[in-house]
Amino acid sequence: MRGPDIHQDTLFSTVSPADRVPKDHPLRPIRQLVDTALLALDEDFDALYAEAGRDSIPPEKLLRAQLLMVFYTIRSERQLMEQLDYNLLFRWFVGFSIEDPVWHHSLPAMESE
């Protein structure tokens, strides 16, 4: 029996990107290593940022995103932002929830394009 082709947007989701990443995916241990290294740099990051002004993009997320560019040979920040917008694996690795908006590729922190 053929199942119905139902198109319905959900109002709420209880699934996190981490739930969708296989337990044996190679990025899981890398993410743990990266998180440990970034935690050790936390005080250094705090010292680099001003006390006043608008919140920046967290440097931890920027660095994780840059690692994805290297690991998956993503050629530009524009392509990276596109992937981050819909790729649950990438969203999980960087630290985005499903609802978090993705940065614009032309933000000054991502100017190497």
N, C-alpha and C. Protein backbone atom coordinates (compact mmCIF):
# COMPACT_ATOMS: atom_id res chain seq x y z
N MET A 1 0.84 -1.17 0.00
CA MET A 1 0.00 0.00 0.00
C MET A 1 0.89 1.24 0.00
N ARG A 2 0.55 2.17 -0.84
CA ARG A 2 1.32 3.40 -0.96
C ARG A 2 0.94 4.37 0.15
N GLY A 3 1.97 4.95 0.78
CA GLY A 3 1.73 5.94 1.82
C GLY A 3 1.38 7.29 1.23
N PRO A 4 0.73 8.13 2.01
CA PRO A 4 0.31 9.45 1.52
C PRO A 4 1.50 10.40 1.39
N ASP A 5 1.43 11.27 0.41
CA ASP A 5 2.44 12.30 0.19
C ASP A 5 1.96 13.58 0.88
N ILE A 6 2.13 13.63 2.19
CA ILE A 6 1.63 14.75 2.97
C ILE A 6 2.73 15.80 3.12
N HIS A 7 2.39 17.03 2.83
CA HIS A 7 3.32 18.15 2.99
C HIS A 7 2.78 19.04 4.10
N GLN A 8 3.40 18.94 5.25
CA GLN A 8 2.93 19.73 6.38
C GLN A 8 4.12 20.25 7.15
N ASP A 9 4.17 21.56 7.30
CA ASP A 9 5.22 22.15 8.13
C ASP A 9 4.83 21.97 9.58
N THR A 10 5.82 21.58 10.38
CA THR A 10 5.53 21.41 11.80
C THR A 10 5.65 22.75 12.50
N LEU A 11 4.85 22.93 13.50
CA LEU A 11 4.88 24.15 14.27
C LEU A 11 6.02 24.12 15.28
N PHE A 12 6.24 22.98 15.87
CA PHE A 12 7.29 22.81 16.86
C PHE A 12 8.07 21.54 16.52
N SER A 13 9.33 21.55 16.89
CA SER A 13 10.15 20.38 16.66
C SER A 13 10.89 20.01 17.94
N THR A 14 10.91 18.75 18.25
CA THR A 14 11.65 18.30 19.43
C THR A 14 12.93 17.58 19.02
N VAL A 15 13.27 17.62 17.74
CA VAL A 15 14.47 16.96 17.24
C VAL A 15 15.61 17.97 17.21
N SER A 16 16.73 17.60 17.75
CA SER A 16 17.91 18.47 17.66
C SER A 16 18.80 17.94 16.55
N PRO A 17 19.63 18.80 15.97
CA PRO A 17 20.55 18.31 14.93
C PRO A 17 21.42 17.15 15.42
N ALA A 18 21.79 17.16 16.70
CA ALA A 18 22.63 16.07 17.24
C ALA A 18 21.94 14.73 17.15
N ASP A 19 20.61 14.72 17.24
CA ASP A 19 19.86 13.47 17.14
C ASP A 19 19.91 12.88 15.74
N ARG A 20 20.18 13.71 14.75
CA ARG A 20 20.19 13.26 13.36
C ARG A 20 21.57 12.83 12.88
N VAL A 21 22.61 13.11 13.67
CA VAL A 21 23.98 12.73 13.29
C VAL A 21 24.24 11.32 13.81
N PRO A 22 24.63 10.40 12.92
CA PRO A 22 24.90 9.03 13.37
C PRO A 22 25.96 9.00 14.48
N LYS A 23 25.77 8.08 15.41
CA LYS A 23 26.68 7.97 16.56
C LYS A 23 28.12 7.68 16.14
N ASP A 24 28.32 7.02 15.00
CA ASP A 24 29.66 6.67 14.55
C ASP A 24 30.20 7.61 13.47
N HIS A 25 29.56 8.77 13.29
CA HIS A 25 30.03 9.70 12.27
C HIS A 25 31.41 10.24 12.64
N PRO A 26 32.32 10.36 11.68
CA PRO A 26 33.69 10.81 11.97
C PRO A 26 33.78 12.21 12.58
N LEU A 27 32.77 13.05 12.36
CA LEU A 27 32.83 14.39 12.93
C LEU A 27 32.55 14.42 14.43
N ARG A 28 31.95 13.37 14.96
CA ARG A 28 31.64 13.37 16.41
C ARG A 28 32.91 13.48 17.27
N PRO A 29 33.92 12.62 17.07
CA PRO A 29 35.13 12.79 17.91
C PRO A 29 35.88 14.08 17.59
N ILE A 30 35.81 14.53 16.34
CA ILE A 30 36.46 15.79 15.99
C ILE A 30 35.79 16.94 16.72
N ARG A 31 34.47 16.92 16.77
CA ARG A 31 33.73 17.97 17.49
C ARG A 31 34.12 17.98 18.97
N GLN A 32 34.29 16.83 19.57
CA GLN A 32 34.71 16.77 20.98
C GLN A 32 36.10 17.38 21.17
N LEU A 33 37.01 17.03 20.27
CA LEU A 33 38.37 17.60 20.33
C LEU A 33 38.34 19.12 20.16
N VAL A 34 37.58 19.58 19.18
CA VAL A 34 37.48 21.01 18.90
C VAL A 34 36.87 21.74 20.09
N ASP A 35 35.81 21.20 20.67
CA ASP A 35 35.17 21.84 21.81
C ASP A 35 36.12 21.94 23.00
N THR A 36 36.92 20.90 23.22
CA THR A 36 37.90 20.92 24.31
C THR A 36 38.95 22.01 24.06
N ALA A 37 39.44 22.09 22.83
CA ALA A 37 40.45 23.10 22.49
C ALA A 37 39.87 24.51 22.60
N LEU A 38 38.65 24.70 22.15
CA LEU A 38 38.02 26.02 22.21
C LEU A 38 37.72 26.43 23.65
N LEU A 39 37.36 25.48 24.47
CA LEU A 39 37.12 25.78 25.88
C LEU A 39 38.40 26.28 26.55
N ALA A 40 39.52 25.71 26.17
CA ALA A 40 40.80 26.15 26.72
C ALA A 40 41.15 27.58 26.28
N LEU A 41 40.58 28.02 25.16
CA LEU A 41 40.83 29.37 24.64
C LEU A 41 39.81 30.40 25.11
N ASP A 42 38.86 29.99 25.93
CA ASP A 42 37.76 30.86 26.34
C ASP A 42 38.23 32.18 26.94
N GLU A 43 39.18 32.15 27.86
CA GLU A 43 39.68 33.38 28.47
C GLU A 43 40.40 34.26 27.46
N ASP A 44 41.12 33.64 26.52
CA ASP A 44 41.79 34.42 25.47
C ASP A 44 40.76 35.13 24.59
N PHE A 45 39.70 34.45 24.25
CA PHE A 45 38.64 35.08 23.46
C PHE A 45 38.03 36.25 24.22
N ASP A 46 37.76 36.06 25.50
CA ASP A 46 37.18 37.13 26.32
C ASP A 46 38.07 38.37 26.31
N ALA A 47 39.37 38.17 26.39
CA ALA A 47 40.31 39.29 26.42
C ALA A 47 40.35 40.05 25.09
N LEU A 48 40.02 39.40 24.00
CA LEU A 48 40.08 40.04 22.69
C LEU A 48 38.88 40.91 22.36
N TYR A 49 37.78 40.73 23.08
CA TYR A 49 36.54 41.42 22.75
C TYR A 49 36.24 42.53 23.73
N ALA A 50 35.65 43.61 23.22
CA ALA A 50 35.29 44.76 24.05
C ALA A 50 34.13 44.41 24.97
N GLU A 51 34.01 45.18 26.05
CA GLU A 51 32.92 44.98 27.01
C GLU A 51 31.62 45.57 26.48
N ALA A 52 31.70 46.62 25.68
CA ALA A 52 30.51 47.32 25.17
C ALA A 52 30.35 47.06 23.69
N GLY A 53 29.17 47.36 23.19
CA GLY A 53 28.91 47.21 21.77
C GLY A 53 27.99 46.04 21.48
N ARG A 54 27.77 45.81 20.20
CA ARG A 54 26.90 44.70 19.78
C ARG A 54 27.62 43.38 19.98
N ASP A 55 26.82 42.36 20.20
CA ASP A 55 27.39 41.02 20.29
C ASP A 55 27.95 40.60 18.95
N SER A 56 29.07 39.94 18.99
CA SER A 56 29.67 39.43 17.75
C SER A 56 29.20 38.01 17.50
N ILE A 57 29.58 37.49 16.36
CA ILE A 57 29.40 36.06 16.11
C ILE A 57 30.40 35.37 17.03
N PRO A 58 29.98 34.37 17.78
CA PRO A 58 30.93 33.70 18.68
C PRO A 58 32.12 33.13 17.89
N PRO A 59 33.34 33.42 18.33
CA PRO A 59 34.50 32.93 17.60
C PRO A 59 34.54 31.41 17.51
N GLU A 60 33.99 30.74 18.52
CA GLU A 60 33.95 29.28 18.49
C GLU A 60 33.17 28.77 17.28
N LYS A 61 32.05 29.43 17.00
CA LYS A 61 31.23 29.02 15.85
C LYS A 61 31.95 29.33 14.54
N LEU A 62 32.60 30.49 14.49
CA LEU A 62 33.34 30.84 13.28
C LEU A 62 34.45 29.82 13.00
N LEU A 63 35.16 29.44 14.04
CA LEU A 63 36.26 28.48 13.86
C LEU A 63 35.75 27.10 13.46
N ARG A 64 34.65 26.67 14.07
CA ARG A 64 34.08 25.38 13.66
C ARG A 64 33.62 25.43 12.20
N ALA A 65 33.04 26.56 11.79
CA ALA A 65 32.60 26.71 10.40
C ALA A 65 33.79 26.66 9.45
N GLN A 66 34.89 27.31 9.84
CA GLN A 66 36.09 27.28 9.01
C GLN A 66 36.65 25.87 8.87
N LEU A 67 36.56 25.09 9.94
CA LEU A 67 37.00 23.69 9.86
C LEU A 67 36.15 22.92 8.84
N LEU A 68 34.86 23.16 8.82
CA LEU A 68 34.01 22.49 7.84
C LEU A 68 34.43 22.84 6.42
N MET A 69 34.83 24.10 6.21
CA MET A 69 35.30 24.50 4.88
C MET A 69 36.49 23.65 4.46
N VAL A 70 37.39 23.41 5.40
CA VAL A 70 38.59 22.62 5.10
C VAL A 70 38.22 21.15 4.91
N PHE A 71 37.45 20.59 5.84
CA PHE A 71 37.12 19.17 5.79
C PHE A 71 36.34 18.80 4.54
N TYR A 72 35.44 19.68 4.10
CA TYR A 72 34.56 19.35 2.98
C TYR A 72 34.89 20.13 1.71
N THR A 73 36.04 20.78 1.67
CA THR A 73 36.52 21.51 0.50
C THR A 73 35.45 22.45 -0.04
N ILE A 74 34.92 23.26 0.85
CA ILE A 74 33.93 24.26 0.45
C ILE A 74 34.70 25.49 0.00
N ARG A 75 34.42 25.95 -1.21
CA ARG A 75 35.26 26.95 -1.86
C ARG A 75 35.04 28.39 -1.39
N SER A 76 33.90 28.71 -0.80
CA SER A 76 33.65 30.10 -0.44
C SER A 76 32.74 30.18 0.78
N GLU A 77 32.76 31.34 1.42
CA GLU A 77 31.87 31.57 2.55
C GLU A 77 30.41 31.54 2.11
N ARG A 78 30.16 32.00 0.90
CA ARG A 78 28.80 31.97 0.37
C ARG A 78 28.28 30.53 0.31
N GLN A 79 29.11 29.62 -0.19
CA GLN A 79 28.70 28.21 -0.24
C GLN A 79 28.59 27.61 1.16
N LEU A 80 29.47 28.02 2.06
CA LEU A 80 29.40 27.54 3.43
C LEU A 80 28.09 27.96 4.09
N MET A 81 27.70 29.22 3.91
CA MET A 81 26.46 29.71 4.50
C MET A 81 25.25 28.98 3.91
N GLU A 82 25.31 28.67 2.63
CA GLU A 82 24.23 27.91 2.00
C GLU A 82 24.13 26.52 2.64
N GLN A 83 25.27 25.86 2.82
CA GLN A 83 25.28 24.54 3.44
C GLN A 83 24.80 24.61 4.89
N LEU A 84 25.25 25.63 5.62
CA LEU A 84 24.83 25.77 7.01
C LEU A 84 23.33 26.01 7.13
N ASP A 85 22.76 26.58 6.11
CA ASP A 85 21.33 26.87 6.16
C ASP A 85 20.48 25.61 6.13
N TYR A 86 20.93 24.58 5.41
CA TYR A 86 20.07 23.39 5.28
C TYR A 86 20.72 22.06 5.66
N ASN A 87 22.00 22.04 5.92
CA ASN A 87 22.68 20.78 6.22
C ASN A 87 22.71 20.57 7.73
N LEU A 88 21.94 19.60 8.22
CA LEU A 88 21.85 19.37 9.66
C LEU A 88 23.19 18.96 10.28
N LEU A 89 24.00 18.22 9.56
CA LEU A 89 25.31 17.84 10.07
C LEU A 89 26.16 19.08 10.32
N PHE A 90 26.17 19.99 9.36
CA PHE A 90 26.95 21.21 9.50
C PHE A 90 26.40 22.07 10.63
N ARG A 91 25.07 22.18 10.72
CA ARG A 91 24.45 22.98 11.78
C ARG A 91 24.86 22.43 13.15
N TRP A 92 24.83 21.13 13.29
CA TRP A 92 25.22 20.50 14.55
C TRP A 92 26.68 20.79 14.86
N PHE A 93 27.57 20.61 13.88
CA PHE A 93 29.00 20.77 14.11
C PHE A 93 29.33 22.20 14.54
N VAL A 94 28.73 23.19 13.90
CA VAL A 94 29.00 24.58 14.23
C VAL A 94 28.37 24.97 15.56
N GLY A 95 27.23 24.37 15.88
CA GLY A 95 26.56 24.69 17.14
C GLY A 95 25.26 25.43 16.96
N PHE A 96 24.66 25.33 15.79
CA PHE A 96 23.37 25.96 15.52
C PHE A 96 22.24 25.01 15.89
N SER A 97 21.14 25.58 16.36
CA SER A 97 19.91 24.80 16.47
C SER A 97 19.24 24.83 15.09
N ILE A 98 18.15 24.13 14.97
CA ILE A 98 17.44 24.11 13.69
C ILE A 98 16.87 25.48 13.37
N GLU A 99 16.49 26.24 14.39
CA GLU A 99 15.86 27.54 14.18
C GLU A 99 16.85 28.70 14.03
N ASP A 100 18.10 28.52 14.40
CA ASP A 100 19.05 29.63 14.37
C ASP A 100 19.27 30.13 12.95
N PRO A 101 19.24 31.46 12.79
CA PRO A 101 19.56 32.01 11.46
C PRO A 101 21.05 31.88 11.18
N VAL A 102 21.38 31.75 9.92
CA VAL A 102 22.78 31.65 9.49
C VAL A 102 23.29 33.05 9.20
N TRP A 103 24.57 33.29 9.44
CA TRP A 103 25.15 34.60 9.17
C TRP A 103 25.15 34.87 7.67
N HIS A 104 25.23 36.14 7.33
CA HIS A 104 25.36 36.51 5.92
C HIS A 104 26.83 36.32 5.52
N HIS A 105 27.05 35.82 4.34
CA HIS A 105 28.42 35.50 3.90
C HIS A 105 29.34 36.71 3.83
N SER A 106 28.79 37.92 3.77
CA SER A 106 29.65 39.10 3.62
C SER A 106 29.99 39.77 4.95
N LEU A 107 29.67 39.14 6.07
CA LEU A 107 30.05 39.72 7.36
C LEU A 107 31.57 39.84 7.44
N PRO A 108 32.06 40.90 8.10
CA PRO A 108 33.51 41.12 8.15
C PRO A 108 34.30 39.94 8.71
N ALA A 109 33.73 39.16 9.58
CA ALA A 109 34.46 38.04 10.17
C ALA A 109 34.74 36.94 9.16
N MET A 110 34.08 36.97 8.03
CA MET A 110 34.22 35.91 7.03
C MET A 110 34.76 36.49 5.70
N GLU A 111 35.71 37.42 5.75
CA GLU A 111 36.10 38.15 4.56
C GLU A 111 37.14 37.48 3.67
N SER A 112 37.47 36.27 3.87
CA SER A 112 38.54 35.67 3.06
C SER A 112 38.07 35.24 1.68
N GLU A 113 36.84 35.52 1.31
CA GLU A 113 36.30 35.11 0.01
C GLU A 113 36.90 35.84 -1.16
